N, C-alpha and C. Protein backbone atom coordinates (compact mmCIF):
# COMPACT_ATOMS: atom_id res chain seq x y z
N MET A 1 -180.28 -128.41 -81.74
CA MET A 1 -179.72 -128.67 -82.62
C MET A 1 -180.78 -128.99 -83.77
N HIS A 2 -180.49 -128.98 -85.06
CA HIS A 2 -181.40 -129.42 -86.07
C HIS A 2 -181.71 -130.85 -86.64
N ARG A 3 -182.75 -131.34 -86.38
CA ARG A 3 -182.88 -132.55 -86.55
C ARG A 3 -183.46 -132.73 -88.10
N ILE A 4 -182.79 -133.76 -88.70
CA ILE A 4 -182.91 -133.74 -90.22
C ILE A 4 -184.59 -134.39 -90.44
N ARG A 5 -185.40 -133.62 -91.09
CA ARG A 5 -186.54 -133.78 -91.62
C ARG A 5 -186.78 -134.95 -92.83
N VAL A 6 -186.88 -135.94 -92.71
CA VAL A 6 -187.05 -137.00 -93.62
C VAL A 6 -188.45 -137.64 -94.13
N TYR A 7 -188.83 -137.56 -95.84
CA TYR A 7 -189.77 -137.86 -95.95
C TYR A 7 -189.44 -139.19 -96.58
N ALA A 8 -190.14 -140.39 -96.22
CA ALA A 8 -189.71 -141.75 -96.69
C ALA A 8 -191.06 -142.03 -97.15
N ASP A 9 -190.85 -142.84 -98.52
CA ASP A 9 -192.03 -143.33 -99.29
C ASP A 9 -192.12 -144.70 -98.75
N THR A 10 -193.64 -145.14 -99.53
CA THR A 10 -193.54 -146.49 -98.81
C THR A 10 -192.46 -147.54 -99.25
N SER A 11 -191.57 -147.39 -100.05
CA SER A 11 -190.98 -148.49 -100.53
C SER A 11 -189.55 -148.47 -99.36
N VAL A 12 -189.80 -147.63 -98.63
CA VAL A 12 -188.70 -147.72 -97.27
C VAL A 12 -189.23 -148.59 -96.64
N PHE A 13 -190.63 -148.32 -96.15
CA PHE A 13 -191.39 -149.28 -95.11
C PHE A 13 -190.99 -150.61 -95.52
N GLY A 14 -191.65 -150.65 -97.05
CA GLY A 14 -191.49 -152.25 -97.58
C GLY A 14 -190.13 -152.66 -97.31
N GLY A 15 -189.13 -151.93 -97.48
CA GLY A 15 -187.58 -152.34 -97.53
C GLY A 15 -187.15 -153.23 -96.40
N VAL A 16 -187.84 -153.07 -95.24
CA VAL A 16 -187.56 -153.87 -94.02
C VAL A 16 -187.88 -155.28 -94.19
N GLU A 17 -188.63 -155.57 -94.92
CA GLU A 17 -189.20 -157.02 -95.26
C GLU A 17 -188.52 -157.56 -96.64
N ASP A 18 -187.58 -157.09 -97.22
CA ASP A 18 -186.88 -157.24 -98.50
C ASP A 18 -185.57 -157.42 -98.06
N PRO A 19 -184.93 -158.74 -98.42
CA PRO A 19 -183.60 -159.01 -98.30
C PRO A 19 -182.55 -157.96 -98.52
N GLU A 20 -183.04 -157.54 -99.45
CA GLU A 20 -181.93 -156.62 -100.52
C GLU A 20 -182.01 -155.24 -99.82
N PHE A 21 -182.78 -154.53 -99.20
CA PHE A 21 -182.92 -153.77 -98.50
C PHE A 21 -183.20 -153.65 -96.97
N ALA A 22 -183.09 -154.56 -96.39
CA ALA A 22 -183.83 -154.86 -94.96
C ALA A 22 -182.98 -153.72 -93.99
N GLU A 23 -181.64 -154.21 -93.87
CA GLU A 23 -180.55 -153.55 -93.31
C GLU A 23 -180.52 -151.90 -93.13
N PRO A 24 -180.28 -151.28 -94.49
CA PRO A 24 -180.51 -149.87 -94.10
C PRO A 24 -181.90 -149.38 -94.02
N SER A 25 -182.92 -149.91 -94.31
CA SER A 25 -183.98 -149.66 -94.20
C SER A 25 -184.36 -149.55 -92.65
N ARG A 26 -183.84 -150.36 -92.01
CA ARG A 26 -184.31 -151.01 -90.54
C ARG A 26 -183.45 -149.59 -89.42
N ARG A 27 -182.18 -149.48 -90.39
CA ARG A 27 -181.26 -148.44 -89.65
C ARG A 27 -181.73 -147.14 -89.86
N PHE A 28 -182.37 -146.97 -90.93
CA PHE A 28 -182.94 -145.67 -90.78
C PHE A 28 -184.20 -145.29 -90.11
N PHE A 29 -184.95 -146.48 -89.70
CA PHE A 29 -186.24 -146.34 -88.90
C PHE A 29 -185.45 -146.45 -87.29
N GLU A 30 -184.40 -146.87 -87.06
CA GLU A 30 -183.93 -146.76 -86.05
C GLU A 30 -183.56 -145.60 -85.43
N ARG A 31 -183.29 -144.72 -86.54
CA ARG A 31 -182.75 -143.43 -86.40
C ARG A 31 -183.86 -142.42 -86.10
N VAL A 32 -184.93 -142.73 -86.78
CA VAL A 32 -186.13 -142.05 -86.37
C VAL A 32 -186.50 -142.29 -84.95
N ARG A 33 -186.59 -143.47 -84.37
CA ARG A 33 -186.86 -143.91 -83.09
C ARG A 33 -186.05 -143.25 -82.17
N ASP A 34 -184.63 -143.08 -82.68
CA ASP A 34 -183.92 -142.37 -81.28
C ASP A 34 -183.69 -140.81 -81.82
N GLY A 35 -184.60 -140.34 -82.69
CA GLY A 35 -184.62 -138.79 -82.63
C GLY A 35 -183.57 -138.22 -83.63
N THR A 36 -182.63 -138.92 -84.13
CA THR A 36 -181.90 -138.36 -85.14
C THR A 36 -182.44 -137.54 -86.16
N PHE A 37 -183.52 -138.31 -86.96
CA PHE A 37 -184.23 -137.77 -87.89
C PHE A 37 -185.86 -137.61 -87.33
N ILE A 38 -186.56 -136.70 -88.04
CA ILE A 38 -188.15 -136.72 -87.95
C ILE A 38 -188.41 -137.08 -89.36
N LEU A 39 -189.62 -138.18 -89.01
CA LEU A 39 -190.12 -138.76 -90.15
C LEU A 39 -191.31 -138.11 -90.56
N VAL A 40 -190.85 -137.46 -91.84
CA VAL A 40 -192.20 -136.77 -92.53
C VAL A 40 -193.24 -137.52 -93.37
N LEU A 41 -194.63 -137.85 -92.76
CA LEU A 41 -195.58 -138.81 -93.10
C LEU A 41 -196.38 -138.42 -93.94
N SER A 42 -196.99 -138.96 -95.23
CA SER A 42 -198.03 -138.59 -95.96
C SER A 42 -199.42 -139.23 -95.78
N PRO A 43 -200.34 -138.86 -96.06
CA PRO A 43 -201.56 -139.47 -96.09
C PRO A 43 -201.54 -140.87 -97.22
N PHE A 44 -200.69 -140.33 -98.29
CA PHE A 44 -200.36 -141.14 -99.40
C PHE A 44 -199.62 -142.46 -98.67
N THR A 45 -198.39 -142.52 -98.12
CA THR A 45 -197.81 -143.39 -97.90
C THR A 45 -198.48 -144.34 -96.52
N VAL A 46 -199.52 -143.51 -95.80
CA VAL A 46 -200.44 -144.33 -94.91
C VAL A 46 -201.26 -145.26 -95.69
N ARG A 47 -202.16 -144.49 -96.44
CA ARG A 47 -203.05 -145.57 -97.26
C ARG A 47 -202.30 -146.71 -97.64
N GLU A 48 -200.97 -146.41 -98.63
CA GLU A 48 -200.14 -147.71 -99.03
C GLU A 48 -200.02 -148.68 -98.03
N LEU A 49 -199.60 -148.14 -96.91
CA LEU A 49 -199.05 -149.03 -96.04
C LEU A 49 -200.67 -149.82 -95.55
N ASP A 50 -201.77 -149.45 -95.68
CA ASP A 50 -202.80 -150.28 -95.26
C ASP A 50 -202.73 -151.57 -95.95
N ALA A 51 -202.18 -151.80 -97.18
CA ALA A 51 -202.02 -153.23 -97.60
C ALA A 51 -200.82 -153.76 -97.50
N ALA A 52 -200.01 -153.49 -96.52
CA ALA A 52 -198.79 -153.94 -96.22
C ALA A 52 -198.77 -155.21 -95.16
N PRO A 53 -197.77 -156.10 -95.44
CA PRO A 53 -197.94 -157.20 -94.29
C PRO A 53 -197.57 -156.37 -92.74
N ALA A 54 -198.04 -157.34 -91.94
CA ALA A 54 -198.51 -156.84 -90.47
C ALA A 54 -196.78 -156.64 -89.70
N PRO A 55 -195.72 -156.86 -90.27
CA PRO A 55 -194.72 -156.26 -89.51
C PRO A 55 -194.28 -155.04 -90.12
N VAL A 56 -194.88 -154.74 -91.53
CA VAL A 56 -194.56 -153.47 -91.85
C VAL A 56 -195.53 -152.22 -91.24
N LYS A 57 -196.82 -152.66 -91.03
CA LYS A 57 -197.40 -151.97 -90.60
C LYS A 57 -197.06 -151.52 -88.92
N GLN A 58 -196.79 -152.29 -88.52
CA GLN A 58 -196.01 -152.12 -87.30
C GLN A 58 -194.79 -151.21 -86.71
N LEU A 59 -194.04 -151.58 -87.90
CA LEU A 59 -193.30 -150.24 -88.10
C LEU A 59 -193.62 -148.91 -87.67
N LEU A 60 -194.50 -148.68 -88.40
CA LEU A 60 -195.03 -147.22 -88.45
C LEU A 60 -195.66 -147.07 -86.70
N GLU A 61 -196.40 -147.92 -86.17
CA GLU A 61 -197.10 -147.82 -85.13
C GLU A 61 -196.00 -147.63 -83.95
N ASP A 62 -194.81 -148.33 -84.15
CA ASP A 62 -194.10 -148.37 -83.01
C ASP A 62 -193.22 -146.88 -82.91
N LEU A 63 -193.11 -146.39 -83.69
CA LEU A 63 -192.55 -144.84 -84.13
C LEU A 63 -192.84 -143.86 -82.91
N PRO A 64 -192.28 -143.37 -82.31
CA PRO A 64 -192.36 -142.15 -81.33
C PRO A 64 -193.17 -141.18 -82.10
N PRO A 65 -194.47 -140.59 -81.61
CA PRO A 65 -195.30 -139.72 -82.34
C PRO A 65 -194.57 -138.54 -82.40
N GLU A 66 -193.42 -138.12 -81.27
CA GLU A 66 -192.85 -136.79 -81.37
C GLU A 66 -191.65 -136.97 -82.20
N ASN A 67 -191.56 -137.99 -83.18
CA ASN A 67 -190.65 -138.00 -84.08
C ASN A 67 -190.94 -138.21 -85.38
N VAL A 68 -192.30 -138.06 -85.43
CA VAL A 68 -193.28 -137.98 -86.51
C VAL A 68 -194.11 -136.93 -87.02
N GLU A 69 -193.99 -136.38 -88.34
CA GLU A 69 -194.94 -135.24 -88.42
C GLU A 69 -195.34 -135.54 -89.64
N HIS A 70 -196.71 -134.93 -89.89
CA HIS A 70 -197.68 -135.40 -90.77
C HIS A 70 -197.82 -133.98 -91.84
N VAL A 71 -197.87 -134.61 -93.19
CA VAL A 71 -197.91 -133.36 -93.95
C VAL A 71 -199.33 -133.87 -94.86
N GLU A 72 -200.12 -132.56 -94.82
CA GLU A 72 -201.48 -132.88 -95.54
C GLU A 72 -201.70 -133.24 -96.68
N ASP A 73 -202.57 -133.83 -97.13
CA ASP A 73 -203.29 -134.07 -98.74
C ASP A 73 -204.01 -132.70 -99.18
N ASP A 74 -203.10 -131.68 -99.54
CA ASP A 74 -203.99 -130.64 -99.75
C ASP A 74 -203.96 -130.24 -101.23
N ALA A 75 -204.51 -129.11 -101.60
CA ALA A 75 -204.41 -128.71 -103.06
C ALA A 75 -202.93 -128.48 -103.40
N ASP A 76 -202.34 -127.68 -102.50
CA ASP A 76 -200.84 -127.61 -102.75
C ASP A 76 -200.13 -128.78 -103.37
N VAL A 77 -200.35 -129.71 -102.58
CA VAL A 77 -199.34 -131.12 -102.81
C VAL A 77 -199.98 -131.53 -104.24
N ALA A 78 -201.48 -131.41 -104.18
CA ALA A 78 -201.96 -132.09 -105.60
C ALA A 78 -201.53 -131.28 -106.98
N ALA A 79 -201.45 -129.98 -106.93
CA ALA A 79 -200.74 -129.08 -107.88
C ALA A 79 -199.97 -129.13 -108.14
N LEU A 80 -198.77 -129.34 -107.18
CA LEU A 80 -197.18 -129.77 -107.70
C LEU A 80 -197.27 -131.00 -108.04
N ALA A 81 -197.71 -132.02 -107.87
CA ALA A 81 -197.79 -133.24 -108.44
C ALA A 81 -198.16 -133.02 -110.23
N ASP A 82 -199.26 -132.50 -110.38
CA ASP A 82 -199.93 -132.02 -111.62
C ASP A 82 -198.61 -131.38 -112.48
N SER A 83 -197.82 -130.59 -112.04
CA SER A 83 -197.08 -129.74 -112.61
C SER A 83 -195.90 -130.91 -112.83
N TYR A 84 -195.54 -131.71 -112.05
CA TYR A 84 -194.41 -132.73 -112.37
C TYR A 84 -194.82 -133.51 -113.55
N ILE A 85 -196.17 -134.07 -113.47
CA ILE A 85 -196.83 -134.60 -114.63
C ILE A 85 -196.70 -133.76 -115.89
N ALA A 86 -197.52 -132.49 -115.97
CA ALA A 86 -197.30 -131.64 -117.06
C ALA A 86 -196.23 -131.31 -117.46
N ALA A 87 -195.05 -131.06 -116.75
CA ALA A 87 -193.64 -130.81 -117.53
C ALA A 87 -193.03 -132.09 -117.95
N GLY A 88 -193.89 -133.20 -117.58
CA GLY A 88 -193.13 -134.33 -118.18
C GLY A 88 -192.08 -135.28 -117.50
N VAL A 89 -191.80 -134.79 -116.04
CA VAL A 89 -191.10 -135.53 -115.37
C VAL A 89 -191.36 -136.60 -115.04
N LEU A 90 -192.86 -137.19 -114.87
CA LEU A 90 -193.16 -138.33 -114.66
C LEU A 90 -194.55 -138.54 -115.41
N SER A 91 -195.21 -139.81 -115.73
CA SER A 91 -196.49 -139.87 -116.59
C SER A 91 -197.57 -139.72 -115.72
N GLU A 92 -198.72 -139.79 -116.11
CA GLU A 92 -199.85 -139.79 -115.12
C GLU A 92 -199.95 -141.07 -114.69
N ALA A 93 -199.46 -142.34 -115.30
CA ALA A 93 -199.64 -143.72 -114.64
C ALA A 93 -198.71 -143.60 -113.32
N CYS A 94 -197.70 -142.75 -113.17
CA CYS A 94 -196.96 -142.53 -111.86
C CYS A 94 -197.27 -141.72 -110.71
N ARG A 95 -198.51 -141.38 -110.93
CA ARG A 95 -199.28 -140.22 -110.19
C ARG A 95 -198.71 -140.17 -108.82
N MET A 96 -198.86 -141.39 -108.26
CA MET A 96 -198.57 -141.65 -106.78
C MET A 96 -196.99 -141.18 -106.47
N ASP A 97 -195.86 -141.92 -107.38
CA ASP A 97 -194.63 -141.25 -107.19
C ASP A 97 -194.68 -139.72 -107.15
N ALA A 98 -195.29 -138.83 -108.05
CA ALA A 98 -195.26 -137.74 -108.14
C ALA A 98 -195.96 -137.26 -106.73
N LEU A 99 -197.04 -137.61 -105.99
CA LEU A 99 -197.64 -136.99 -105.01
C LEU A 99 -196.80 -137.64 -103.86
N HIS A 100 -195.88 -138.53 -103.95
CA HIS A 100 -194.90 -138.76 -103.03
C HIS A 100 -193.76 -137.27 -103.11
N VAL A 101 -193.37 -137.12 -104.03
CA VAL A 101 -192.20 -135.94 -104.18
C VAL A 101 -192.91 -134.70 -103.91
N ALA A 102 -193.92 -134.65 -104.31
CA ALA A 102 -194.66 -133.10 -104.15
C ALA A 102 -194.88 -133.33 -102.57
N ALA A 103 -195.30 -134.08 -101.78
CA ALA A 103 -195.61 -134.10 -100.73
C ALA A 103 -194.49 -133.63 -99.62
N GLY A 104 -193.30 -134.43 -100.03
CA GLY A 104 -192.21 -134.09 -99.38
C GLY A 104 -191.58 -132.81 -99.59
N THR A 105 -191.72 -132.10 -100.60
CA THR A 105 -191.35 -130.82 -101.08
C THR A 105 -192.26 -129.96 -100.28
N VAL A 106 -193.43 -129.93 -100.56
CA VAL A 106 -194.72 -129.05 -99.85
C VAL A 106 -194.12 -128.80 -98.36
N GLY A 107 -194.07 -130.39 -98.02
CA GLY A 107 -194.16 -130.57 -96.34
C GLY A 107 -192.54 -130.15 -95.87
N ARG A 108 -191.87 -129.73 -96.44
CA ARG A 108 -190.57 -128.83 -96.31
C ARG A 108 -189.51 -130.32 -95.60
N ALA A 109 -189.80 -131.04 -96.35
CA ALA A 109 -188.45 -132.22 -95.74
C ALA A 109 -187.14 -131.80 -96.24
N ASP A 110 -186.27 -132.04 -95.60
CA ASP A 110 -184.82 -131.78 -95.93
C ASP A 110 -184.09 -132.80 -97.12
N LEU A 111 -185.29 -134.15 -97.04
CA LEU A 111 -184.49 -135.15 -97.78
C LEU A 111 -185.72 -136.18 -98.21
N ILE A 112 -185.79 -136.58 -99.25
CA ILE A 112 -186.88 -137.61 -99.78
C ILE A 112 -185.96 -138.89 -99.83
N LEU A 113 -186.67 -139.83 -98.89
CA LEU A 113 -185.75 -141.33 -99.25
C LEU A 113 -186.94 -142.08 -100.18
N SER A 114 -186.15 -142.78 -100.88
CA SER A 114 -186.92 -144.01 -101.63
C SER A 114 -186.01 -144.94 -102.19
N TRP A 115 -186.74 -146.28 -102.27
CA TRP A 115 -185.79 -147.53 -103.07
C TRP A 115 -186.25 -147.29 -104.28
N ASN A 116 -187.15 -146.46 -104.81
CA ASN A 116 -187.72 -146.47 -106.19
C ASN A 116 -186.72 -145.72 -107.44
N PHE A 117 -185.78 -146.68 -107.54
CA PHE A 117 -184.59 -145.88 -108.40
C PHE A 117 -185.11 -145.56 -109.99
N LYS A 118 -186.38 -146.22 -110.42
CA LYS A 118 -186.64 -145.66 -111.62
C LYS A 118 -187.52 -144.37 -111.83
N HIS A 119 -188.00 -144.05 -110.84
CA HIS A 119 -188.99 -143.04 -110.99
C HIS A 119 -188.78 -141.76 -109.84
N ILE A 120 -187.90 -142.10 -108.65
CA ILE A 120 -187.97 -141.00 -107.84
C ILE A 120 -186.29 -141.07 -107.64
N VAL A 121 -185.65 -142.08 -107.03
CA VAL A 121 -184.35 -141.68 -107.02
C VAL A 121 -183.40 -142.01 -108.39
N ASN A 122 -183.39 -141.01 -108.97
CA ASN A 122 -183.15 -140.96 -110.48
C ASN A 122 -182.51 -139.80 -110.94
N TYR A 123 -181.19 -139.56 -111.35
CA TYR A 123 -180.47 -138.23 -111.44
C TYR A 123 -181.14 -137.50 -112.26
N GLN A 124 -181.52 -137.62 -113.39
CA GLN A 124 -182.40 -136.93 -114.45
C GLN A 124 -183.90 -136.49 -113.89
N ARG A 125 -184.40 -137.34 -113.10
CA ARG A 125 -185.64 -137.12 -112.55
C ARG A 125 -185.39 -136.17 -111.63
N ILE A 126 -184.55 -135.99 -110.37
CA ILE A 126 -184.21 -135.22 -109.47
C ILE A 126 -184.07 -133.79 -109.97
N ARG A 127 -183.26 -133.50 -110.95
CA ARG A 127 -182.96 -132.39 -111.62
C ARG A 127 -184.12 -131.83 -112.25
N ARG A 128 -185.11 -132.61 -112.70
CA ARG A 128 -186.41 -132.38 -113.48
C ARG A 128 -187.54 -131.85 -112.14
N PHE A 129 -187.52 -132.65 -111.15
CA PHE A 129 -188.21 -132.14 -110.16
C PHE A 129 -187.98 -130.99 -109.49
N ASN A 130 -187.04 -130.53 -109.49
CA ASN A 130 -186.18 -129.16 -108.61
C ASN A 130 -186.37 -128.29 -109.77
N GLY A 131 -186.09 -128.53 -111.04
CA GLY A 131 -186.46 -127.63 -112.19
C GLY A 131 -188.14 -127.15 -111.45
N VAL A 132 -188.98 -127.67 -111.54
CA VAL A 132 -190.54 -127.69 -111.50
C VAL A 132 -190.66 -126.89 -110.18
N ASN A 133 -189.59 -127.55 -109.32
CA ASN A 133 -189.76 -126.96 -107.78
C ASN A 133 -189.41 -125.36 -107.98
N ALA A 134 -188.56 -125.28 -108.70
CA ALA A 134 -187.73 -123.74 -108.59
C ALA A 134 -188.91 -122.63 -109.52
N LEU A 135 -189.31 -123.54 -110.32
CA LEU A 135 -190.35 -122.53 -111.52
C LEU A 135 -191.80 -122.33 -110.48
N LYS A 136 -192.06 -123.03 -109.39
CA LYS A 136 -193.26 -123.14 -108.52
C LYS A 136 -193.08 -122.31 -107.40
N GLY A 137 -191.76 -121.92 -107.02
CA GLY A 137 -191.19 -121.21 -105.79
C GLY A 137 -191.22 -122.11 -104.46
N TYR A 138 -190.65 -123.28 -104.89
CA TYR A 138 -190.33 -124.39 -103.93
C TYR A 138 -188.97 -124.50 -103.77
N ALA A 139 -188.52 -124.82 -102.76
CA ALA A 139 -187.02 -125.20 -102.55
C ALA A 139 -186.90 -126.51 -103.18
N SER A 140 -185.50 -126.76 -103.60
CA SER A 140 -185.00 -127.73 -103.75
C SER A 140 -184.93 -128.98 -102.97
N ILE A 141 -185.30 -130.35 -103.55
CA ILE A 141 -185.26 -131.51 -102.65
C ILE A 141 -184.27 -132.16 -102.60
N GLU A 142 -183.44 -132.84 -101.77
CA GLU A 142 -182.67 -133.93 -101.69
C GLU A 142 -183.64 -135.21 -101.95
N ILE A 143 -183.25 -135.85 -102.80
CA ILE A 143 -183.50 -137.12 -103.14
C ILE A 143 -182.65 -138.33 -102.97
N ARG A 144 -182.57 -139.28 -101.96
CA ARG A 144 -181.69 -140.43 -102.03
C ARG A 144 -182.25 -141.63 -101.65
N SER A 145 -181.43 -142.94 -101.50
CA SER A 145 -181.94 -143.88 -100.97
C SER A 145 -181.39 -144.07 -99.69
N PRO A 146 -182.10 -144.83 -99.01
CA PRO A 146 -181.51 -145.52 -97.39
C PRO A 146 -180.22 -145.63 -97.16
N LEU A 147 -179.75 -146.10 -98.50
CA LEU A 147 -178.12 -146.36 -98.39
C LEU A 147 -177.21 -145.15 -98.26
N GLU A 148 -177.85 -144.06 -98.71
CA GLU A 148 -176.89 -142.91 -98.48
C GLU A 148 -177.05 -142.00 -97.16
N VAL A 149 -177.79 -142.65 -96.22
CA VAL A 149 -177.91 -142.07 -94.95
C VAL A 149 -177.87 -143.00 -93.89
N ASP A 150 -177.22 -144.27 -94.54
CA ASP A 150 -177.04 -145.46 -93.61
C ASP A 150 -175.72 -145.40 -93.08
N TYR A 151 -174.81 -144.46 -92.47
CA TYR A 151 -173.76 -144.48 -91.92
C TYR A 151 -173.37 -143.49 -91.01
N GLU A 152 -172.75 -143.65 -90.10
CA GLU A 152 -172.35 -142.73 -88.67
C GLU A 152 -171.21 -141.60 -89.85
N ASP A 153 -171.46 -140.56 -88.91
CA ASP A 153 -170.31 -139.44 -89.50
C ASP A 153 -169.08 -139.95 -89.03
N GLN A 154 -168.53 -139.41 -90.05
CA GLN A 154 -166.86 -139.74 -89.82
C GLN A 154 -166.36 -138.96 -89.07
N ASP A 155 -165.30 -139.08 -88.47
CA ASP A 155 -164.71 -138.29 -87.35
C ASP A 155 -163.54 -136.93 -88.63
N GLU A 156 -163.77 -135.55 -88.08
CA GLU A 156 -163.21 -134.73 -89.30
C GLU A 156 -161.83 -134.86 -89.25
N ASP A 157 -161.00 -135.63 -88.15
CA ASP A 157 -159.52 -135.55 -88.40
C ASP A 157 -159.37 -137.12 -89.42
N GLU A 158 -160.43 -137.94 -89.30
CA GLU A 158 -160.05 -139.00 -89.99
C GLU A 158 -160.13 -139.18 -91.71
N VAL A 159 -158.88 -139.83 -91.99
CA VAL A 159 -159.11 -139.53 -93.68
C VAL A 159 -159.53 -140.55 -94.09
N VAL A 160 -160.24 -140.17 -95.14
CA VAL A 160 -161.36 -141.05 -95.76
C VAL A 160 -160.82 -141.45 -97.20
């Protein structure tokens, strides 16, 4: 069975402590713990989590290592982030957001999750991220919020 590889940016981790985002964020991490998802983790997320409250940091520490993969901070990630900025997808001020999307793309995640609706989970930007990805030889990437993966699969016979 193919397990879905999901890059989660820092906002998803922080979401567990935000009343508006807590339940879908917690359910996502439960699915990482039970092995439904593989968490693709970048050094950018880890560094940002250094400043997070203790319960948010503990969340990462409690994940089974076999359900977490690491993407490196390498020249390919930086070059793709630079390409997003050069193409006007994001400004230099949003470099960290560009690095998150680039890390998920270069790390071949199936999906990027974020609560950042302004810079990442944004229809026009997603199209532009994927346009740059195509020009640079990378696959398209799905970008969603945890709300969009926060449900159990429906039975095929069930009418929705």
